[in-house]
Amino acid sequence: MGAQFPSLAARRLVFTVGALSLGALSAGAQEHHAGTESPRPWPPVATFSILGYDPATGEVGGAVQSRVFSVGNGVLWAEAGVGAAATQAIVDVSYGPQSIALLRDGLKPADVVKQVWARDPDPRPDDWTKLGRQFAVIDATGNVAAFTGSKATTWAGDKQGRFCTAQGNILAGPEVVTAMVEAFENTTGHLSLRLLAALEAGQKAGGDKRGMQSAAMLIVKKNAGVWLHNDVVVRLQVDDNPEPITELRRLVEKAASQRARVTAR
């Protein structure tokens, strides 16, 4: 429970943004719904996210959208050959690096989720309770698990599919995560396009009840970045935009053009 984690740099841990919402554990193709309100010093973040894996390429990563500024500053975490995590809602950002470290040690996503939440000391139970955490984990072969706390802001829940898990809080309803999983599973092409399609579907289904503001995406694979010894395939952030998913699509398509130029050389 009190294990020491190696430095992120030493382990080549790639990270971007974090915020999730914990509660009842779910793994496999199932849903969890939670929702008791409580006073909080600031709003929960990272409203809806998806983690996904492409068995054809070995790439793994995630995408997120929220009605908060710069959601890409704490939700998504990933390491090539290890897996990815998302941390949101009444977030403890340390869940990200903890999850990656446990995946690296060989734990299954379901065990990672159980262990990380169990050893949370819940330092602020009155206004930032661990019962409001939400987070998800995917390993380097596409196994997934997620947790949505009973005190995550409604509607809050998660749903798993084939090589993916979608989760969110302050959503229009369960149709948001259902639409995200279906879009991911039914979209073809690069992992970035499948993750993007999931965000678009989630927004079309109602998305964040508060609206839109920022989005982010992170995808990794060993030495698959456009520069030498670069594990980052995609790392994009839209920090403040009335249509963040539309802008994220523009950036995803631009990144795809860059990869195509490099590959053609």
Protein backbone atom coordinates (compact mmCIF):
# COMPACT_ATOMS: atom_id res chain seq x y z
CA MET A 1 0.00 0.00 0.00
CA GLY A 2 2.85 2.42 0.72
CA ALA A 3 5.04 1.40 -2.19
CA GLN A 4 7.61 3.85 -3.50
CA PHE A 5 7.15 4.71 -7.17
CA PRO A 6 10.06 5.49 -9.50
CA SER A 7 10.21 8.95 -10.99
CA LEU A 8 8.04 9.54 -14.01
CA ALA A 9 11.02 10.67 -16.05
CA ALA A 10 13.06 7.63 -15.15
CA ARG A 11 10.21 5.38 -16.20
CA ARG A 12 9.44 7.42 -19.32
CA LEU A 13 5.95 7.94 -18.04
CA VAL A 14 4.05 10.14 -20.40
CA PHE A 15 1.31 12.14 -18.82
CA THR A 16 -1.18 14.78 -19.68
CA VAL A 17 -4.23 15.78 -17.69
CA GLY A 18 -6.15 14.25 -14.80
CA ALA A 19 -9.45 14.22 -12.96
CA LEU A 20 -11.94 11.33 -12.33
CA SER A 21 -14.72 10.11 -10.04
CA LEU A 22 -14.62 6.89 -7.89
CA GLY A 23 -17.36 4.70 -6.48
CA ALA A 24 -18.52 1.17 -7.31
CA LEU A 25 -16.01 -0.91 -9.22
CA SER A 26 -16.87 -2.14 -12.67
CA ALA A 27 -14.87 -4.25 -15.09
CA GLY A 28 -15.86 -5.96 -18.30
CA ALA A 29 -18.90 -4.99 -20.35
CA GLN A 30 -21.03 -3.37 -17.66
CA GLU A 31 -22.27 -0.02 -16.37
CA HIS A 32 -22.25 1.69 -12.99
CA HIS A 33 -24.42 4.63 -11.92
CA ALA A 34 -23.72 6.79 -8.91
CA GLY A 35 -24.81 9.99 -7.40
CA THR A 36 -25.04 11.61 -3.95
CA GLU A 37 -24.22 15.32 -3.81
CA SER A 38 -22.03 16.98 -1.15
CA PRO A 39 -20.46 20.44 -0.65
CA ARG A 40 -17.14 20.90 -2.47
CA PRO A 41 -14.49 23.65 -2.50
CA TRP A 42 -14.33 23.65 -6.31
CA PRO A 43 -16.17 21.89 -9.15
CA PRO A 44 -15.34 18.32 -10.17
CA VAL A 45 -13.45 18.01 -13.46
CA ALA A 46 -12.94 15.77 -16.50
CA THR A 47 -16.55 15.19 -17.34
CA PHE A 48 -16.30 12.40 -19.90
CA SER A 49 -13.37 10.38 -21.14
CA ILE A 50 -12.54 7.20 -23.01
CA LEU A 51 -9.53 4.89 -22.90
CA GLY A 52 -8.87 2.62 -25.85
CA TYR A 53 -6.47 0.13 -27.40
CA ASP A 54 -5.86 -0.85 -31.02
CA PRO A 55 -4.72 -4.49 -31.30
CA ALA A 56 -3.69 -3.93 -34.93
CA THR A 57 -1.07 -1.31 -34.02
CA GLY A 58 -0.43 -1.83 -30.29
CA GLU A 59 -1.26 1.83 -29.61
CA VAL A 60 -3.05 2.72 -26.37
CA GLY A 61 -4.39 6.00 -25.06
CA GLY A 62 -7.39 8.14 -24.26
CA ALA A 63 -9.39 11.28 -24.91
CA VAL A 64 -11.41 13.61 -22.68
CA GLN A 65 -13.78 16.60 -22.88
CA SER A 66 -15.09 18.85 -20.11
CA ARG A 67 -16.70 22.14 -19.18
CA VAL A 68 -13.56 23.21 -17.32
CA PHE A 69 -10.49 25.12 -18.43
CA SER A 70 -7.56 23.01 -19.66
CA VAL A 71 -8.91 19.56 -18.83
CA GLY A 72 -5.74 18.16 -20.41
CA ASN A 73 -3.78 19.04 -17.29
CA GLY A 74 -4.47 15.99 -15.14
CA VAL A 75 -6.87 13.39 -16.57
CA LEU A 76 -4.91 11.26 -19.04
CA TRP A 77 -1.84 9.19 -18.22
CA ALA A 78 -0.08 6.65 -20.44
CA GLU A 79 3.16 4.74 -20.85
CA ALA A 80 4.12 2.83 -24.00
CA GLY A 81 3.99 -0.93 -23.53
CA VAL A 82 2.27 -0.51 -20.16
CA GLY A 83 -1.15 1.07 -20.56
CA ALA A 84 -3.16 4.18 -19.75
CA ALA A 85 -5.33 5.66 -17.02
CA ALA A 86 -7.85 8.46 -16.60
CA THR A 87 -8.51 10.26 -13.31
CA GLN A 88 -11.55 12.55 -12.91
CA ALA A 89 -14.49 13.96 -10.87
CA ILE A 90 -13.49 14.43 -7.21
CA VAL A 91 -10.03 13.73 -8.44
CA ASP A 92 -6.83 12.65 -6.81
CA VAL A 93 -4.35 13.09 -9.67
CA SER A 94 -1.91 10.68 -8.02
CA TYR A 95 -4.21 7.87 -9.13
CA GLY A 96 -2.69 8.29 -12.61
CA PRO A 97 0.96 7.55 -11.86
CA GLN A 98 -0.04 4.98 -9.23
CA SER A 99 -2.09 3.09 -11.82
CA ILE A 100 0.69 3.17 -14.40
CA ALA A 101 3.23 1.93 -11.85
CA LEU A 102 1.01 -0.99 -10.84
CA LEU A 103 0.35 -1.92 -14.46
CA ARG A 104 4.10 -1.88 -15.02
CA ASP A 105 4.47 -4.30 -12.12
CA GLY A 106 2.12 -6.72 -13.86
CA LEU A 107 -1.19 -6.17 -12.07
CA LYS A 108 -4.43 -6.58 -14.01
CA PRO A 109 -6.54 -3.41 -14.47
CA ALA A 110 -9.25 -4.68 -12.08
CA ASP A 111 -6.64 -5.26 -9.38
CA VAL A 112 -5.05 -1.87 -10.07
CA VAL A 113 -8.39 -0.13 -9.56
CA LYS A 114 -9.10 -2.00 -6.33
CA GLN A 115 -5.64 -1.39 -4.89
CA VAL A 116 -5.35 2.29 -5.76
CA TRP A 117 -8.75 3.13 -4.29
CA ALA A 118 -8.28 0.93 -1.21
CA ARG A 119 -5.05 2.66 -0.20
CA ASP A 120 -6.44 6.17 -0.70
CA PRO A 121 -6.27 7.66 2.84
CA ASP A 122 -9.26 9.92 2.03
CA PRO A 123 -7.57 13.05 3.46
CA ARG A 124 -10.60 15.32 2.86
CA PRO A 125 -13.72 13.18 3.45
CA ASP A 126 -15.95 16.19 4.19
CA ASP A 127 -15.47 18.15 0.97
CA TRP A 128 -13.35 16.02 -1.41
CA THR A 129 -14.23 12.47 -0.49
CA LYS A 130 -12.72 9.37 -2.07
CA LEU A 131 -16.31 8.19 -2.52
CA GLY A 132 -16.53 10.76 -5.30
CA ARG A 133 -13.48 9.61 -7.25
CA GLN A 134 -13.76 8.21 -10.76
CA PHE A 135 -10.96 6.56 -12.66
CA ALA A 136 -10.31 3.98 -15.33
CA VAL A 137 -7.38 1.79 -16.37
CA ILE A 138 -6.45 -0.05 -19.57
CA ASP A 139 -3.40 -2.26 -19.98
CA ALA A 140 -1.12 -2.79 -22.98
CA THR A 141 -3.33 -5.57 -24.35
CA GLY A 142 -6.69 -3.82 -24.00
CA ASN A 143 -7.99 -5.21 -20.69
CA VAL A 144 -9.99 -2.56 -18.84
CA ALA A 145 -11.50 -1.69 -15.47
CA ALA A 146 -13.15 1.42 -14.02
CA PHE A 147 -14.51 2.82 -10.79
CA THR A 148 -17.23 5.42 -10.18
CA GLY A 149 -17.82 6.50 -6.61
CA SER A 150 -21.21 6.68 -4.96
CA LYS A 151 -20.73 10.40 -4.31
CA ALA A 152 -19.63 11.39 -7.80
CA THR A 153 -21.77 14.21 -9.17
CA THR A 154 -24.78 12.90 -11.08
CA TRP A 155 -25.15 11.56 -13.62
CA ALA A 156 -21.94 9.61 -13.12
CA GLY A 157 -20.99 6.19 -14.40
CA ASP A 158 -18.83 4.08 -16.67
CA LYS A 159 -19.29 1.48 -19.38
CA GLN A 160 -16.83 -0.99 -20.83
CA GLY A 161 -16.62 -2.40 -24.36
CA ARG A 162 -14.19 -4.28 -26.54
CA PHE A 163 -10.74 -2.73 -25.89
CA CYS A 164 -12.27 0.42 -24.37
CA THR A 165 -13.85 1.99 -21.30
CA ALA A 166 -15.89 5.22 -21.20
CA GLN A 167 -16.62 7.15 -18.00
CA GLY A 168 -17.95 10.52 -16.92
CA ASN A 169 -19.69 12.65 -14.34
CA ILE A 170 -22.18 15.53 -14.52
CA LEU A 171 -23.47 13.92 -17.71
CA ALA A 172 -26.86 14.13 -19.42
CA GLY A 173 -27.30 10.43 -18.58
CA PRO A 174 -26.07 6.87 -19.20
CA GLU A 175 -26.70 7.29 -22.92
CA VAL A 176 -23.50 9.36 -23.08
CA VAL A 177 -21.10 6.56 -22.12
CA THR A 178 -23.14 4.01 -24.10
CA ALA A 179 -22.84 6.14 -27.24
CA MET A 180 -19.10 6.56 -26.66
CA VAL A 181 -18.45 2.82 -26.46
CA GLU A 182 -20.59 2.12 -29.53
CA ALA A 183 -18.80 4.82 -31.55
CA PHE A 184 -15.38 3.52 -30.57
CA GLU A 185 -16.28 -0.05 -31.50
CA ASN A 186 -17.92 0.91 -34.80
CA THR A 187 -15.36 3.42 -36.09
CA THR A 188 -12.47 2.34 -38.30
CA GLY A 189 -9.10 3.94 -38.88
CA HIS A 190 -6.37 5.20 -36.57
CA LEU A 191 -6.91 5.02 -32.82
CA SER A 192 -7.03 8.83 -32.67
CA LEU A 193 -10.05 8.85 -35.00
CA ARG A 194 -11.81 6.18 -32.95
CA LEU A 195 -11.25 8.05 -29.68
CA LEU A 196 -12.40 11.27 -31.34
CA ALA A 197 -15.53 9.58 -32.68
CA ALA A 198 -16.31 8.46 -29.14
CA LEU A 199 -16.09 12.04 -27.82
CA GLU A 200 -18.27 13.29 -30.66
CA ALA A 201 -20.86 10.60 -29.97
CA GLY A 202 -20.84 11.36 -26.25
CA GLN A 203 -21.42 15.03 -26.92
CA LYS A 204 -24.20 14.27 -29.39
CA ALA A 205 -25.87 12.13 -26.71
CA GLY A 206 -25.92 15.10 -24.32
CA GLY A 207 -22.37 15.21 -22.98
CA ASP A 208 -21.52 17.39 -20.00
CA LYS A 209 -24.70 18.99 -18.63
CA ARG A 210 -22.70 22.21 -18.11
CA GLY A 211 -21.55 22.54 -21.72
CA MET A 212 -18.12 22.42 -23.38
CA GLN A 213 -14.77 24.17 -22.88
CA SER A 214 -11.70 21.96 -23.28
CA ALA A 215 -10.54 18.61 -24.64
CA ALA A 216 -7.39 16.50 -24.84
CA MET A 217 -5.99 13.30 -26.32
CA LEU A 218 -2.96 11.13 -25.55
CA ILE A 219 -1.81 8.03 -27.47
CA VAL A 220 1.46 6.15 -26.98
CA LYS A 221 3.45 3.32 -28.52
CA LYS A 222 7.12 2.44 -28.16
CA ASN A 223 9.21 4.53 -30.59
CA ALA A 224 6.13 5.37 -32.69
CA GLY A 225 6.34 9.17 -32.34
CA VAL A 226 7.49 11.34 -35.23
CA TRP A 227 10.91 11.98 -33.65
CA LEU A 228 13.68 9.61 -32.60
CA HIS A 229 13.05 7.72 -29.32
CA ASN A 230 9.60 9.25 -29.01
CA ASP A 231 6.79 7.10 -27.57
CA VAL A 232 4.14 9.82 -27.99
CA VAL A 233 2.03 9.19 -31.09
CA VAL A 234 -0.49 11.93 -30.24
CA ARG A 235 -0.59 14.46 -27.43
CA LEU A 236 -3.06 17.27 -28.08
CA GLN A 237 -4.83 19.80 -25.89
CA VAL A 238 -7.60 22.32 -26.54
CA ASP A 239 -7.61 24.43 -23.39
CA ASP A 240 -10.36 27.00 -23.95
CA ASN A 241 -12.72 26.83 -26.92
CA PRO A 242 -16.51 27.01 -27.33
CA GLU A 243 -16.27 23.95 -29.61
CA PRO A 244 -13.32 21.98 -28.16
CA ILE A 245 -14.16 18.67 -29.86
CA THR A 246 -14.38 20.36 -33.26
CA GLU A 247 -10.98 21.93 -32.66
CA LEU A 248 -9.59 18.62 -31.43
CA ARG A 249 -10.70 17.01 -34.71
CA ARG A 250 -8.77 19.68 -36.64
CA LEU A 251 -5.65 18.91 -34.61
CA VAL A 252 -6.09 15.13 -34.91
CA GLU A 253 -6.35 15.44 -38.69
CA LYS A 254 -3.29 17.69 -38.78
CA ALA A 255 -1.33 15.17 -36.71
CA ALA A 256 -2.40 12.42 -39.11
CA SER A 257 -1.05 14.44 -42.04
CA GLN A 258 2.25 14.88 -40.22
CA ARG A 259 2.55 11.15 -39.55
CA ALA A 260 1.75 10.40 -43.20
CA ARG A 261 4.51 12.75 -44.40
CA VAL A 262 7.06 11.17 -42.06
CA THR A 263 6.04 7.65 -43.08
CA ALA A 264 6.33 8.50 -46.78
CA ARG A 265 10.00 9.51 -46.43
